[in-house]
Amino acid sequence: MTKRSRVVLGMIAAAGACLPMGVFATSASAASGTHVQINQKAAISATMCYTFVGAEDENDCNYSRLINDVLTVGIPPNATEVVIDLKLYPWGSTTDSITLDTSKNRCVEVTGTAFNAKLQEIGC
C-alpha cells in the first residue's frame, strides 16, 4: 500500500470515527425572532428532527448530540408550530415528540436513557 493510499484511508477512518460524535451535525435554519433552545441531558447520543409547520422547506435534523450539549434552533418567521421528534438513532423511529407554538422563545430538555428518553418543555 502506498503512502498516499494510507493517508486517504486514514482520513476516511477519522471521518467515520467523528461522525457518531456529531462533529458533522447540521443546524436548523436560523431566523431572526424566536428560537428553541434544546438542552441535551439524556444519557444517549440524541437525534432531534424539527418540523416547522407553515415553513416545511426549513425542516431539519441534528444528529448525535452528546450529553450536556446545548443547541439553539432559530424558528422561521412564517412557522406557526414547531414539532420536535426525538430519536435514539438517526435511522430509528421516534421515541418522543413535543409540539411548541412559536409566539415566544422556548426551552426544551432531553432527559432519560435509551429505555425512557423524553422531551419536556422547561423554563428559559
C-alpha atoms as a PDB file:
ATOM      1  CA  MET A   1       0.000   0.000   0.000  1.00  0.00           C
ATOM      2  CA  THR A   2       1.405   3.350  -0.975  1.00  0.00           C
ATOM      3  CA  LYS A   3       1.813   6.211   1.427  1.00  0.00           C
ATOM      4  CA  ARG A   4      -0.872   8.161  -0.416  1.00  0.00           C
ATOM      5  CA  SER A   5      -3.359   5.283  -0.035  1.00  0.00           C
ATOM      6  CA  ARG A   6      -2.633   5.033   3.695  1.00  0.00           C
ATOM      7  CA  VAL A   7      -3.212   8.768   4.129  1.00  0.00           C
ATOM      8  CA  VAL A   8      -6.543   8.630   2.286  1.00  0.00           C
ATOM      9  CA  LEU A   9      -7.684   5.568   4.257  1.00  0.00           C
ATOM     10  CA  GLY A  10      -6.628   7.262   7.492  1.00  0.00           C
ATOM     11  CA  MET A  11      -8.666  10.361   6.646  1.00  0.00           C
ATOM     12  CA  ILE A  12     -11.719   8.227   5.825  1.00  0.00           C
ATOM     13  CA  ALA A  13     -11.342   6.326   9.105  1.00  0.00           C
ATOM     14  CA  ALA A  14     -11.028   9.572  11.067  1.00  0.00           C
ATOM     15  CA  ALA A  15     -14.154  10.988   9.419  1.00  0.00           C
ATOM     16  CA  GLY A  16     -16.066   7.790  10.184  1.00  0.00           C
ATOM     17  CA  ALA A  17     -14.960   7.919  13.818  1.00  0.00           C
ATOM     18  CA  CYS A  18     -16.081  11.546  14.189  1.00  0.00           C
ATOM     19  CA  LEU A  19     -19.490  11.123  12.577  1.00  0.00           C
ATOM     20  CA  PRO A  20     -21.175   9.415  15.571  1.00  0.00           C
ATOM     21  CA  MET A  21     -19.883  12.191  17.838  1.00  0.00           C
ATOM     22  CA  GLY A  22     -21.920  14.803  15.988  1.00  0.00           C
ATOM     23  CA  VAL A  23     -18.954  16.649  14.522  1.00  0.00           C
ATOM     24  CA  PHE A  24     -20.748  16.850  11.171  1.00  0.00           C
ATOM     25  CA  ALA A  25     -24.134  17.800  12.650  1.00  0.00           C
ATOM     26  CA  THR A  26     -26.112  20.462  10.874  1.00  0.00           C
ATOM     27  CA  SER A  27     -28.228  23.104  12.499  1.00  0.00           C
ATOM     28  CA  ALA A  28     -31.734  24.145  11.643  1.00  0.00           C
ATOM     29  CA  SER A  29     -32.243  27.310   9.676  1.00  0.00           C
ATOM     30  CA  ALA A  30     -31.536  30.396  11.758  1.00  0.00           C
ATOM     31  CA  ALA A  31     -34.121  33.153  11.737  1.00  0.00           C
ATOM     32  CA  SER A  32     -34.363  36.482  13.434  1.00  0.00           C
ATOM     33  CA  GLY A  33     -37.021  36.394  16.100  1.00  0.00           C
ATOM     34  CA  THR A  34     -37.965  33.403  18.181  1.00  0.00           C
ATOM     35  CA  HIS A  35     -35.944  30.273  18.833  1.00  0.00           C
ATOM     36  CA  VAL A  36     -35.970  26.958  20.675  1.00  0.00           C
ATOM     37  CA  GLN A  37     -33.084  26.120  22.998  1.00  0.00           C
ATOM     38  CA  ILE A  38     -32.530  22.398  23.500  1.00  0.00           C
ATOM     39  CA  ASN A  39     -30.560  21.130  26.489  1.00  0.00           C
ATOM     40  CA  GLN A  40     -29.405  17.550  25.948  1.00  0.00           C
ATOM     41  CA  LYS A  41     -29.226  15.967  29.434  1.00  0.00           C
ATOM     42  CA  ALA A  42     -30.052  12.374  28.462  1.00  0.00           C
ATOM     43  CA  ALA A  43     -27.572   9.529  28.666  1.00  0.00           C
ATOM     44  CA  ILE A  44     -27.861   8.960  24.910  1.00  0.00           C
ATOM     45  CA  SER A  45     -26.482  10.412  21.713  1.00  0.00           C
ATOM     46  CA  ALA A  46     -29.731  12.130  20.728  1.00  0.00           C
ATOM     47  CA  THR A  47     -31.032  12.842  17.255  1.00  0.00           C
ATOM     48  CA  MET A  48     -33.675  15.550  17.024  1.00  0.00           C
ATOM     49  CA  CYS A  49     -35.706  16.395  13.930  1.00  0.00           C
ATOM     50  CA  TYR A  50     -37.679  19.615  13.556  1.00  0.00           C
ATOM     51  CA  THR A  51     -40.844  20.149  11.556  1.00  0.00           C
ATOM     52  CA  PHE A  52     -41.691  23.821  11.148  1.00  0.00           C
ATOM     53  CA  VAL A  53     -45.442  23.866  10.447  1.00  0.00           C
ATOM     54  CA  GLY A  54     -46.044  26.556   7.833  1.00  0.00           C
ATOM     55  CA  ALA A  55     -42.388  26.529   6.754  1.00  0.00           C
ATOM     56  CA  GLU A  56     -41.812  22.875   5.865  1.00  0.00           C
ATOM     57  CA  ASP A  57     -38.985  23.744   3.463  1.00  0.00           C
ATOM     58  CA  GLU A  58     -36.954  24.668   6.582  1.00  0.00           C
ATOM     59  CA  ASN A  59     -37.331  21.242   8.296  1.00  0.00           C
ATOM     60  CA  ASP A  60     -34.044  19.815   9.555  1.00  0.00           C
ATOM     61  CA  CYS A  61     -32.402  17.312  11.916  1.00  0.00           C
ATOM     62  CA  ASN A  62     -29.476  17.431  14.324  1.00  0.00           C
ATOM     63  CA  TYR A  63     -27.662  14.132  14.673  1.00  0.00           C
ATOM     64  CA  SER A  64     -25.811  12.519  17.582  1.00  0.00           C
ATOM     65  CA  ARG A  65     -25.998  15.356  20.111  1.00  0.00           C
ATOM     66  CA  LEU A  66     -23.941  14.350  23.139  1.00  0.00           C
ATOM     67  CA  ILE A  67     -24.860  14.770  26.800  1.00  0.00           C
ATOM     68  CA  ASN A  68     -24.625  18.360  28.144  1.00  0.00           C
ATOM     69  CA  ASP A  69     -24.897  19.767  24.620  1.00  0.00           C
ATOM     70  CA  VAL A  70     -26.933  22.977  24.244  1.00  0.00           C
ATOM     71  CA  LEU A  71     -28.376  23.830  20.852  1.00  0.00           C
ATOM     72  CA  THR A  72     -30.339  26.894  19.767  1.00  0.00           C
ATOM     73  CA  VAL A  73     -32.583  26.471  16.727  1.00  0.00           C
ATOM     74  CA  GLY A  74     -33.957  29.571  15.016  1.00  0.00           C
ATOM     75  CA  ILE A  75     -37.644  29.441  14.108  1.00  0.00           C
ATOM     76  CA  PRO A  76     -38.523  30.666  10.610  1.00  0.00           C
ATOM     77  CA  PRO A  77     -40.821  33.709  10.749  1.00  0.00           C
ATOM     78  CA  ASN A  78     -43.673  32.007   8.851  1.00  0.00           C
ATOM     79  CA  ALA A  79     -43.768  28.891  11.094  1.00  0.00           C
ATOM     80  CA  THR A  80     -46.846  28.539  13.301  1.00  0.00           C
ATOM     81  CA  GLU A  81     -45.684  25.487  15.291  1.00  0.00           C
ATOM     82  CA  VAL A  82     -42.511  23.525  15.828  1.00  0.00           C
ATOM     83  CA  VAL A  83     -42.698  19.755  16.209  1.00  0.00           C
ATOM     84  CA  ILE A  84     -39.543  18.191  17.669  1.00  0.00           C
ATOM     85  CA  ASP A  85     -39.093  14.438  17.282  1.00  0.00           C
ATOM     86  CA  LEU A  86     -36.521  12.628  19.439  1.00  0.00           C
ATOM     87  CA  LYS A  87     -34.773   9.529  18.114  1.00  0.00           C
ATOM     88  CA  LEU A  88     -32.180   7.309  19.752  1.00  0.00           C
ATOM     89  CA  TYR A  89     -30.566   6.648  16.364  1.00  0.00           C
ATOM     90  CA  PRO A  90     -30.733   8.713  13.150  1.00  0.00           C
ATOM     91  CA  TRP A  91     -32.348   5.767  11.333  1.00  0.00           C
ATOM     92  CA  GLY A  92     -34.618   4.802  14.236  1.00  0.00           C
ATOM     93  CA  SER A  93     -38.245   5.522  14.936  1.00  0.00           C
ATOM     94  CA  THR A  94     -39.405   8.481  17.023  1.00  0.00           C
ATOM     95  CA  THR A  95     -39.052   7.872  20.773  1.00  0.00           C
ATOM     96  CA  ASP A  96     -40.823  11.051  21.922  1.00  0.00           C
ATOM     97  CA  SER A  97     -42.263  14.179  20.365  1.00  0.00           C
ATOM     98  CA  ILE A  98     -43.239  17.670  21.515  1.00  0.00           C
ATOM     99  CA  THR A  99     -45.183  20.440  19.772  1.00  0.00           C
ATOM    100  CA  LEU A 100     -44.469  24.082  20.598  1.00  0.00           C
ATOM    101  CA  ASP A 101     -46.117  27.281  19.437  1.00  0.00           C
ATOM    102  CA  THR A 102     -43.844  29.970  18.057  1.00  0.00           C
ATOM    103  CA  SER A 103     -45.192  33.011  19.895  1.00  0.00           C
ATOM    104  CA  LYS A 104     -42.140  33.234  22.178  1.00  0.00           C
ATOM    105  CA  ASN A 105     -38.748  31.644  22.833  1.00  0.00           C
ATOM    106  CA  ARG A 106     -38.963  28.107  24.194  1.00  0.00           C
ATOM    107  CA  CYS A 107     -36.599  25.824  26.082  1.00  0.00           C
ATOM    108  CA  VAL A 108     -36.727  22.040  25.888  1.00  0.00           C
ATOM    109  CA  GLU A 109     -34.748  19.435  27.806  1.00  0.00           C
ATOM    110  CA  VAL A 110     -33.912  15.911  26.669  1.00  0.00           C
ATOM    111  CA  THR A 111     -33.783  13.537  29.646  1.00  0.00           C
ATOM    112  CA  GLY A 112     -33.622   9.835  30.393  1.00  0.00           C
ATOM    113  CA  THR A 113     -31.742   6.896  28.959  1.00  0.00           C
ATOM    114  CA  ALA A 114     -32.140   4.613  25.967  1.00  0.00           C
ATOM    115  CA  PHE A 115     -35.045   2.991  27.824  1.00  0.00           C
ATOM    116  CA  ASN A 116     -37.014   6.137  28.729  1.00  0.00           C
ATOM    117  CA  ALA A 117     -35.711   9.154  26.757  1.00  0.00           C
ATOM    118  CA  LYS A 118     -38.151  12.061  26.590  1.00  0.00           C
ATOM    119  CA  LEU A 119     -38.559  15.714  25.682  1.00  0.00           C
ATOM    120  CA  GLN A 120     -40.075  18.226  28.074  1.00  0.00           C
ATOM    121  CA  GLU A 121     -40.528  21.969  27.958  1.00  0.00           C
ATOM    122  CA  ILE A 122     -38.711  23.834  30.729  1.00  0.00           C
ATOM    123  CA  GLY A 123     -38.499  27.478  31.684  1.00  0.00           C
ATOM    124  CA  CYS A 124     -35.885  29.507  29.878  1.00  0.00           C
END
